[in-house]
Every structure is written in structure tokens, then in C-alpha cells.
N, C-alpha and C. Protein backbone atom coordinates (compact mmCIF):
# COMPACT_ATOMS: atom_id res chain seq x y z
N MET A 1 112.24 191.69 244.53
CA MET A 1 113.95 191.87 244.51
C MET A 1 113.92 191.29 246.28
N ALA A 2 113.24 192.21 246.93
CA ALA A 2 113.55 192.11 248.55
C ALA A 2 113.28 190.98 248.81
N LYS A 3 114.02 189.59 248.35
CA LYS A 3 113.67 188.37 248.96
C LYS A 3 114.44 187.55 248.83
N CYS A 4 115.44 187.05 250.05
CA CYS A 4 116.68 186.45 250.15
C CYS A 4 116.68 185.09 248.94
N ALA A 5 117.44 184.90 247.96
CA ALA A 5 117.21 184.03 246.73
C ALA A 5 117.57 182.06 247.60
N HIS A 6 118.12 182.34 248.50
CA HIS A 6 118.47 181.14 249.53
C HIS A 6 116.95 180.48 250.23
N CYS A 7 117.03 181.45 251.56
CA CYS A 7 116.10 180.90 252.11
C CYS A 7 114.67 181.95 252.00
N GLY A 8 114.54 182.77 251.33
CA GLY A 8 113.43 183.29 251.24
C GLY A 8 112.97 184.39 252.00
N LYS A 9 113.60 184.69 252.98
CA LYS A 9 113.56 186.05 253.66
C LYS A 9 113.52 187.24 252.90
N ARG A 10 112.26 187.81 253.94
CA ARG A 10 111.79 189.38 253.29
C ARG A 10 111.19 190.15 254.13
N THR A 11 110.64 191.56 253.81
CA THR A 11 109.98 192.43 254.60
C THR A 11 108.98 191.59 255.27
N ARG A 12 109.08 191.82 257.13
CA ARG A 12 107.95 191.92 257.60
C ARG A 12 107.42 192.81 258.20
N PHE A 13 105.92 192.87 258.48
CA PHE A 13 105.43 193.86 259.55
C PHE A 13 104.96 193.74 260.82
N GLY A 14 105.16 194.76 262.03
CA GLY A 14 104.56 195.03 262.83
C GLY A 14 104.16 195.96 263.44
N ARG A 15 104.40 195.61 264.45
CA ARG A 15 103.89 197.27 265.50
C ARG A 15 105.23 197.94 265.97
N SER A 16 105.94 199.19 266.34
CA SER A 16 106.60 199.65 267.05
C SER A 16 105.65 200.33 268.92
N VAL A 17 105.74 199.24 269.39
CA VAL A 17 105.18 199.65 270.88
C VAL A 17 106.03 200.61 271.93
N PRO A 18 106.06 201.68 271.99
CA PRO A 18 106.72 202.70 273.27
C PRO A 18 105.86 202.12 274.48
N LYS A 19 106.31 202.74 275.63
CA LYS A 19 106.01 202.90 277.15
C LYS A 19 104.21 203.10 276.93
N SER A 20 103.69 204.44 276.05
CA SER A 20 102.51 204.75 276.29
C SER A 20 101.72 203.66 275.56
N MET A 21 102.29 202.54 274.96
CA MET A 21 101.23 201.61 274.52
C MET A 21 100.63 202.26 273.39
N HIS A 22 100.96 203.30 272.44
CA HIS A 22 100.01 203.56 271.53
C HIS A 22 101.17 203.18 270.05
N ALA A 23 100.67 201.99 270.01
CA ALA A 23 100.84 200.82 268.91
C ALA A 23 101.05 201.90 267.38
N THR A 24 102.35 201.98 266.76
CA THR A 24 102.21 202.14 265.37
C THR A 24 102.83 201.00 264.44
N ARG A 25 102.40 201.67 263.26
CA ARG A 25 103.45 200.30 262.32
C ARG A 25 104.18 200.43 261.69
N ARG A 26 104.99 199.12 261.52
CA ARG A 26 106.10 199.47 261.03
C ARG A 26 106.90 198.25 260.48
N THR A 27 108.04 198.53 260.11
CA THR A 27 108.66 197.08 258.72
C THR A 27 110.01 196.07 259.57
N PHE A 28 110.28 195.40 259.91
CA PHE A 28 111.10 195.01 259.86
C PHE A 28 112.04 194.58 258.30
N LYS A 29 112.77 195.07 257.93
CA LYS A 29 113.37 194.35 256.67
C LYS A 29 114.89 193.68 257.03
N ALA A 30 115.03 192.35 256.33
CA ALA A 30 115.94 191.53 255.72
C ALA A 30 117.55 192.17 255.09
N ASN A 31 118.52 192.03 256.26
CA ASN A 31 119.69 192.76 255.96
C ASN A 31 119.91 192.22 254.33
N LEU A 32 119.70 192.02 253.20
CA LEU A 32 119.85 191.79 251.66
C LEU A 32 120.97 192.27 251.13
N GLN A 33 121.97 191.48 250.71
CA GLN A 33 123.25 192.20 249.81
C GLN A 33 122.98 191.11 248.65
N LYS A 34 124.02 191.93 247.93
CA LYS A 34 124.06 191.33 246.28
C LYS A 34 125.31 191.05 246.69
N VAL A 35 125.69 189.39 246.21
CA VAL A 35 126.84 188.73 246.27
C VAL A 35 126.92 187.80 244.98
N THR A 36 128.08 187.71 244.72
CA THR A 36 128.89 187.67 243.31
C THR A 36 129.32 185.73 243.80
N LEU A 37 128.53 184.27 243.16
CA LEU A 37 129.01 183.07 243.66
C LEU A 37 129.52 182.53 242.48
N TRP A 38 129.99 181.79 242.70
CA TRP A 38 130.61 180.24 241.34
C TRP A 38 129.56 179.50 241.64
N GLU A 39 128.98 179.20 240.60
CA GLU A 39 127.70 177.96 240.74
C GLU A 39 128.42 177.31 239.31
N GLN A 40 128.43 176.02 239.52
CA GLN A 40 128.69 175.36 237.93
C GLN A 40 129.58 175.96 236.93
N GLY A 41 130.78 176.61 237.63
CA GLY A 41 131.96 177.13 236.79
C GLY A 41 131.95 178.46 236.37
N ARG A 42 130.58 178.98 236.70
CA ARG A 42 130.04 180.29 236.58
C ARG A 42 129.57 181.07 237.33
N ARG A 43 130.12 182.68 237.32
CA ARG A 43 129.40 183.65 238.07
C ARG A 43 128.20 183.90 238.14
N ILE A 44 127.41 183.91 239.18
CA ILE A 44 126.13 184.24 239.34
C ILE A 44 126.21 185.24 240.41
N GLN A 45 125.70 186.34 240.33
CA GLN A 45 124.64 187.39 240.94
C GLN A 45 123.64 187.01 241.88
N LYS A 46 123.80 187.18 243.29
CA LYS A 46 122.35 186.57 243.68
C LYS A 46 122.21 187.62 245.06
N VAL A 47 120.95 187.70 245.40
CA VAL A 47 120.52 188.45 246.35
C VAL A 47 120.23 187.65 247.81
N LEU A 48 121.62 187.70 248.87
CA LEU A 48 121.30 186.82 249.67
C LEU A 48 120.94 187.93 251.46
N CYS A 49 120.63 187.30 252.14
CA CYS A 49 120.85 187.53 253.10
C CYS A 49 121.83 187.28 254.06
N ALA A 50 122.21 188.33 255.15
CA ALA A 50 123.68 188.01 255.77
C ALA A 50 123.63 186.88 256.90
N LYS A 51 122.77 186.38 256.76
CA LYS A 51 122.80 184.99 257.65
C LYS A 51 123.06 183.78 256.87
N CYS A 52 122.72 183.87 255.53
CA CYS A 52 123.03 183.32 254.45
C CYS A 52 124.52 183.29 253.62
N ILE A 53 124.60 184.79 253.86
CA ILE A 53 125.85 184.52 253.48
C ILE A 53 126.78 184.00 254.60
N LYS A 54 126.69 183.93 255.68
CA LYS A 54 127.76 184.01 256.67
C LYS A 54 127.29 182.09 256.51
N THR A 55 126.29 181.76 256.69
CA THR A 55 126.11 180.11 256.51
C THR A 55 127.01 179.39 255.43
N LEU A 56 126.77 180.06 254.26
CA LEU A 56 127.39 179.20 252.73
C LEU A 56 129.21 180.01 252.72
N ALA A 57 129.61 180.95 253.83
CA ALA A 57 131.06 181.62 254.07
C ALA A 57 131.78 180.13 255.10
N LYS A 58 130.92 179.23 255.56
CA LYS A 58 131.33 178.43 256.55
C LYS A 58 131.17 176.90 255.72
N VAL A 59 130.47 176.91 254.55
CA VAL A 59 130.69 175.27 253.99
C VAL A 59 132.35 175.45 253.16
């Protein structure tokens, strides 16, 4: 579920590094939203990231 249906963006993993350089594991989560779209004359509910929603709004 935690994946954009348009671009495939999902949770990424990395490290949080403070000034003391003691790195700890953390996650970078995509800004995913449930959106209702019209495709081929039917309403379809998809999970899209905020960037894809903005791009589709321009078109």
C-alpha cells in the first residue's frame, strides 16, 4: 500500500546524523494521499504521492 501508483515512490531508509556524528537509522516516508480520479469514464481511487497529484492537476 505504501507505494505511489504513478511513479512507484515508497519508503526509503537512511541515517539521521546529528552534530555528534552518532548516526541512527531512520525512514524517509513519501507523502502519499488517497485520490479519486476519473479514468475511462469511471471513478477510480488510487494512492498517489503529492508530487504526482500536483503534476496531474497541471495536465
